[in-house]
Amino acid sequence: MSVEKVIINLFGTGWYNAMRAYLQSQEFVKLGHWLMAERKQKRIYPEQKNVFKAFQLTPYEKVNVVFLGISPYVKKHQATGLSFGIEISENMMITPSSLNIIIRELEKDLDILCLDFDYSLEGWAKQGVLMLNTSLTTQDGQLNSHLDMWKEFTLNVIDAINRMHENVIFILIGEEAQLYEQYLNPLSTRLIKVPYPTKEIRGKSEFYDNNIFSKCNAMLYMLKKEEINWNIK
């Protein structure tokens, strides 16, 4: 199989065409070689097969929202390739605190009960929400350990979305994600900024009461786009 076909299988045709120059560059090749070397020496999350899952579940031409976090979960059986998403299984029965806070804010914001919630967040991704982290991998137990290595990749993703000119909504979660605001095209993107869920003031998460889910849907409505079913099963 040619290199081109391998990359298309990883990202899909839309993302490949939008990021072709970078995905064919030596910069991307070096990133791949570095990551393979890291996996030989250390425990890296998520699994190799899931690193680009966000792009596989949200095709380029379907992106309406970017849910931008920082780095994958750093514990075994947590990171899945989607920002904040987890796979509930016999190996993973405890929900990370950041996801718990997101769910509680969702319930309060939309006045709903998430009784049978999709913890993988794949339901969001399939509706056009790109569940992206600024770093797609991390070392076991080492928060944000790969941020610098993925910066050029993340900038190329943002550049591809800027060129869509489709009023994509960026939800920037946490200070590291908000550093990328300067690279967004204000003529082709919309912006919502919130603190990281686990950041607290006086014992309360600063993520609460920002109403990001209703704000996002209000923006989509104004843009005459389909709203997101945030409580999809």
Protein backbone atom coordinates (compact mmCIF):
# COMPACT_ATOMS: atom_id res chain seq x y z
CA MET A 1 0.00 0.00 0.00
CA SER A 2 1.34 3.43 -0.93
CA VAL A 3 2.15 6.06 1.70
CA GLU A 4 -0.65 8.21 0.33
CA LYS A 5 -3.23 5.45 0.83
CA VAL A 6 -1.98 4.80 4.36
CA ILE A 7 -2.44 8.47 5.28
CA ILE A 8 -5.88 8.59 3.66
CA ASN A 9 -6.90 5.55 5.70
CA LEU A 10 -5.76 7.35 8.86
CA PHE A 11 -7.43 10.70 8.17
CA GLY A 12 -10.01 10.27 5.42
CA THR A 13 -9.91 11.89 1.98
CA GLY A 14 -11.18 15.30 3.13
CA TRP A 15 -8.56 15.83 5.80
CA TYR A 16 -5.85 14.44 3.53
CA ASN A 17 -6.69 16.89 0.75
CA ALA A 18 -6.94 19.82 3.19
CA MET A 19 -3.61 19.01 4.88
CA ARG A 20 -1.83 17.33 1.99
CA ALA A 21 1.29 19.53 2.04
CA TYR A 22 1.91 18.93 5.73
CA LEU A 23 0.96 15.22 5.75
CA GLN A 24 3.43 14.62 2.92
CA SER A 25 6.17 16.69 4.57
CA GLN A 26 9.31 15.53 6.33
CA GLU A 27 7.99 17.28 9.45
CA PHE A 28 5.12 14.79 9.70
CA VAL A 29 7.43 11.87 8.90
CA LYS A 30 9.74 12.96 11.73
CA LEU A 31 6.79 13.14 14.12
CA GLY A 32 5.84 9.58 13.21
CA HIS A 33 9.39 8.28 13.68
CA TRP A 34 9.72 10.06 17.01
CA LEU A 35 6.44 8.60 18.23
CA MET A 36 7.43 5.06 17.22
CA ALA A 37 10.71 5.44 19.11
CA GLU A 38 8.85 6.72 22.20
CA ARG A 39 6.52 3.71 22.16
CA LYS A 40 9.48 1.34 22.17
CA GLN A 41 10.82 2.88 25.38
CA LYS A 42 7.76 4.19 27.24
CA ARG A 43 4.04 3.60 27.69
CA ILE A 44 2.23 6.05 25.42
CA TYR A 45 -1.49 6.84 25.26
CA PRO A 46 -3.74 6.39 23.39
CA GLU A 47 -3.07 3.17 21.50
CA GLN A 48 -1.50 3.72 18.10
CA LYS A 49 -4.70 2.73 16.29
CA ASN A 50 -6.64 5.51 18.08
CA VAL A 51 -4.25 8.45 17.72
CA PHE A 52 -6.17 9.94 14.77
CA LYS A 53 -9.64 8.69 15.72
CA ALA A 54 -11.03 12.24 15.96
CA PHE A 55 -10.39 12.74 12.24
CA GLN A 56 -11.86 9.37 11.32
CA LEU A 57 -15.13 10.07 13.15
CA THR A 58 -15.45 13.71 12.04
CA PRO A 59 -14.71 14.12 8.32
CA TYR A 60 -13.25 17.45 7.26
CA GLU A 61 -16.31 18.50 5.30
CA LYS A 62 -18.58 17.76 8.31
CA VAL A 63 -16.77 19.90 10.92
CA ASN A 64 -19.05 22.48 12.52
CA VAL A 65 -17.51 22.63 16.02
CA VAL A 66 -14.01 22.04 17.41
CA PHE A 67 -13.94 20.91 21.06
CA LEU A 68 -10.29 21.67 21.78
CA GLY A 69 -8.74 20.23 24.94
CA ILE A 70 -5.11 19.95 25.88
CA SER A 71 -3.70 16.42 26.19
CA PRO A 72 -4.96 12.82 26.44
CA TYR A 73 -5.64 11.17 29.79
CA VAL A 74 -2.43 9.88 31.36
CA LYS A 75 -3.74 6.68 32.98
CA LYS A 76 -4.13 3.22 31.48
CA HIS A 77 -7.49 2.37 29.84
CA GLN A 78 -8.60 6.04 29.63
CA ALA A 79 -7.41 7.86 26.48
CA THR A 80 -9.34 6.92 23.34
CA GLY A 81 -8.23 9.47 20.75
CA LEU A 82 -11.13 11.85 21.41
CA SER A 83 -10.64 14.77 23.78
CA PHE A 84 -12.24 14.00 27.17
CA GLY A 85 -13.86 10.78 25.89
CA ILE A 86 -13.35 7.39 27.58
CA GLU A 87 -14.37 3.82 26.89
CA ILE A 88 -16.36 2.35 29.78
CA SER A 89 -15.31 -1.28 30.28
CA GLU A 90 -14.37 -3.70 33.04
CA ASN A 91 -10.91 -2.09 32.95
CA MET A 92 -12.26 1.47 33.17
CA MET A 93 -15.14 1.95 35.59
CA ILE A 94 -14.12 5.28 37.17
CA THR A 95 -14.91 8.40 35.14
CA PRO A 96 -12.11 11.03 35.14
CA SER A 97 -12.98 14.13 37.15
CA SER A 98 -12.73 16.42 34.10
CA LEU A 99 -15.39 14.40 32.24
CA ASN A 100 -17.61 14.27 35.33
CA ILE A 101 -17.50 18.06 35.54
CA ILE A 102 -18.32 18.40 31.83
CA ILE A 103 -21.34 16.12 32.26
CA ARG A 104 -22.60 18.01 35.33
CA GLU A 105 -22.27 21.32 33.48
CA LEU A 106 -24.13 19.84 30.51
CA GLU A 107 -26.99 18.73 32.76
CA LYS A 108 -27.24 22.15 34.41
CA ASP A 109 -26.83 24.14 31.20
CA LEU A 110 -29.51 22.27 29.25
CA ASP A 111 -31.65 21.28 32.25
CA ILE A 112 -31.40 17.56 31.45
CA LEU A 113 -30.37 14.31 33.12
CA CYS A 114 -27.64 12.30 31.43
CA LEU A 115 -28.82 8.92 32.69
CA ASP A 116 -27.47 6.83 29.81
CA PHE A 117 -24.64 9.05 28.67
CA ASP A 118 -22.22 8.20 25.85
CA TYR A 119 -18.92 8.51 27.74
CA SER A 120 -16.91 7.85 24.60
CA LEU A 121 -18.24 11.16 23.17
CA GLU A 122 -18.30 9.48 19.77
CA GLY A 123 -21.90 10.63 19.43
CA TRP A 124 -20.68 14.24 19.51
CA ALA A 125 -17.92 13.49 17.00
CA LYS A 126 -20.33 11.91 14.52
CA GLN A 127 -22.45 15.10 14.58
CA GLY A 128 -19.57 17.26 13.38
CA VAL A 129 -17.81 18.06 16.66
CA LEU A 130 -14.07 17.54 16.18
CA MET A 131 -12.95 16.20 19.58
CA LEU A 132 -9.37 17.40 19.39
CA ASN A 133 -6.51 17.82 21.84
CA THR A 134 -3.59 20.16 21.18
CA SER A 135 -1.42 17.08 21.75
CA LEU A 136 -2.66 13.75 20.38
CA THR A 137 -0.42 11.58 22.57
CA THR A 138 1.10 11.62 26.04
CA GLN A 139 3.40 9.53 28.21
CA ASP A 140 1.94 7.42 30.99
CA GLY A 141 1.54 9.57 34.10
CA GLN A 142 3.09 12.64 32.44
CA LEU A 143 0.49 15.33 31.79
CA ASN A 144 1.14 17.46 28.69
CA SER A 145 4.43 15.66 28.03
CA HIS A 146 4.06 15.74 24.21
CA LEU A 147 2.61 19.23 23.73
CA ASP A 148 5.60 20.69 21.91
CA MET A 149 5.92 17.78 19.49
CA TRP A 150 2.33 18.15 18.24
CA LYS A 151 2.22 21.95 17.91
CA GLU A 152 3.00 22.06 14.19
CA PHE A 153 0.41 19.38 13.51
CA THR A 154 -2.24 21.28 15.47
CA LEU A 155 -1.43 24.51 13.64
CA ASN A 156 -1.95 22.75 10.33
CA VAL A 157 -5.32 21.40 11.48
CA ILE A 158 -6.38 24.93 12.43
CA ASP A 159 -5.11 26.31 9.13
CA ALA A 160 -7.17 23.70 7.24
CA ILE A 161 -10.29 24.71 9.18
CA ASN A 162 -9.61 28.43 8.70
CA ARG A 163 -9.63 27.82 4.95
CA MET A 164 -13.10 26.27 5.09
CA HIS A 165 -14.72 29.70 5.60
CA GLU A 166 -17.69 27.92 7.17
CA ASN A 167 -17.99 29.74 10.52
CA VAL A 168 -16.69 26.79 12.51
CA ILE A 169 -17.16 27.22 16.27
CA PHE A 170 -14.04 26.66 18.39
CA ILE A 171 -14.58 25.79 22.06
CA LEU A 172 -11.16 26.35 23.64
CA ILE A 173 -10.90 24.53 26.97
CA GLY A 174 -8.05 25.54 29.23
CA GLU A 175 -5.14 27.95 28.95
CA GLU A 176 -3.01 25.73 26.70
CA ALA A 177 -5.82 25.37 24.18
CA GLN A 178 -6.52 29.11 24.34
CA LEU A 179 -2.98 29.86 23.20
CA TYR A 180 -4.21 28.80 19.76
CA GLU A 181 -6.78 31.59 19.61
CA GLN A 182 -4.19 33.80 17.90
CA TYR A 183 -4.12 31.39 14.94
CA LEU A 184 -7.87 31.40 14.32
CA ASN A 185 -9.25 33.41 11.43
CA PRO A 186 -11.93 35.67 12.97
CA LEU A 187 -13.63 35.90 9.56
CA SER A 188 -14.19 32.14 9.32
CA THR A 189 -14.45 30.96 12.94
CA ARG A 190 -16.51 31.65 16.07
CA LEU A 191 -15.11 31.39 19.59
CA ILE A 192 -16.09 30.15 23.05
CA LYS A 193 -13.43 30.10 25.80
CA VAL A 194 -13.69 28.32 29.15
CA PRO A 195 -11.29 27.29 31.93
CA TYR A 196 -10.15 23.69 32.13
CA PRO A 197 -12.73 21.61 34.07
CA THR A 198 -10.40 20.74 36.95
CA LYS A 199 -9.28 24.35 37.54
CA GLU A 200 -10.90 25.53 40.76
CA ILE A 201 -11.58 28.73 42.67
CA ARG A 202 -12.64 28.32 46.29
CA GLY A 203 -13.25 24.61 45.76
CA LYS A 204 -15.52 25.03 42.71
CA SER A 205 -14.61 24.29 39.11
CA GLU A 206 -14.35 27.44 36.99
CA PHE A 207 -15.82 25.41 34.13
CA TYR A 208 -19.28 25.57 35.71
CA ASP A 209 -21.88 28.16 34.67
CA ASN A 210 -20.23 29.02 31.36
CA ASN A 211 -23.13 27.42 29.46
CA ILE A 212 -20.95 26.35 26.56
CA PHE A 213 -23.44 23.81 25.22
CA SER A 214 -26.38 26.17 24.93
CA LYS A 215 -24.10 28.95 23.63
CA CYS A 216 -22.73 26.66 20.95
CA ASN A 217 -26.19 25.58 19.83
CA ALA A 218 -27.36 29.19 19.79
CA MET A 219 -24.46 30.04 17.48
CA LEU A 220 -25.24 27.09 15.23
CA TYR A 221 -28.88 28.19 15.07
CA MET A 222 -27.87 31.72 14.10
CA LEU A 223 -25.58 30.27 11.43
CA LYS A 224 -28.49 28.17 10.12
CA LYS A 225 -26.66 24.95 10.97
CA GLU A 226 -27.99 21.85 12.69
CA GLU A 227 -27.71 22.02 16.48
CA ILE A 228 -25.82 19.35 18.41
CA ASN A 229 -27.67 16.74 20.44
CA TRP A 230 -25.27 16.84 23.39
CA ASN A 231 -27.14 14.11 25.27
CA ILE A 232 -27.05 11.61 22.42
CA LYS A 233 -26.85 7.96 23.55
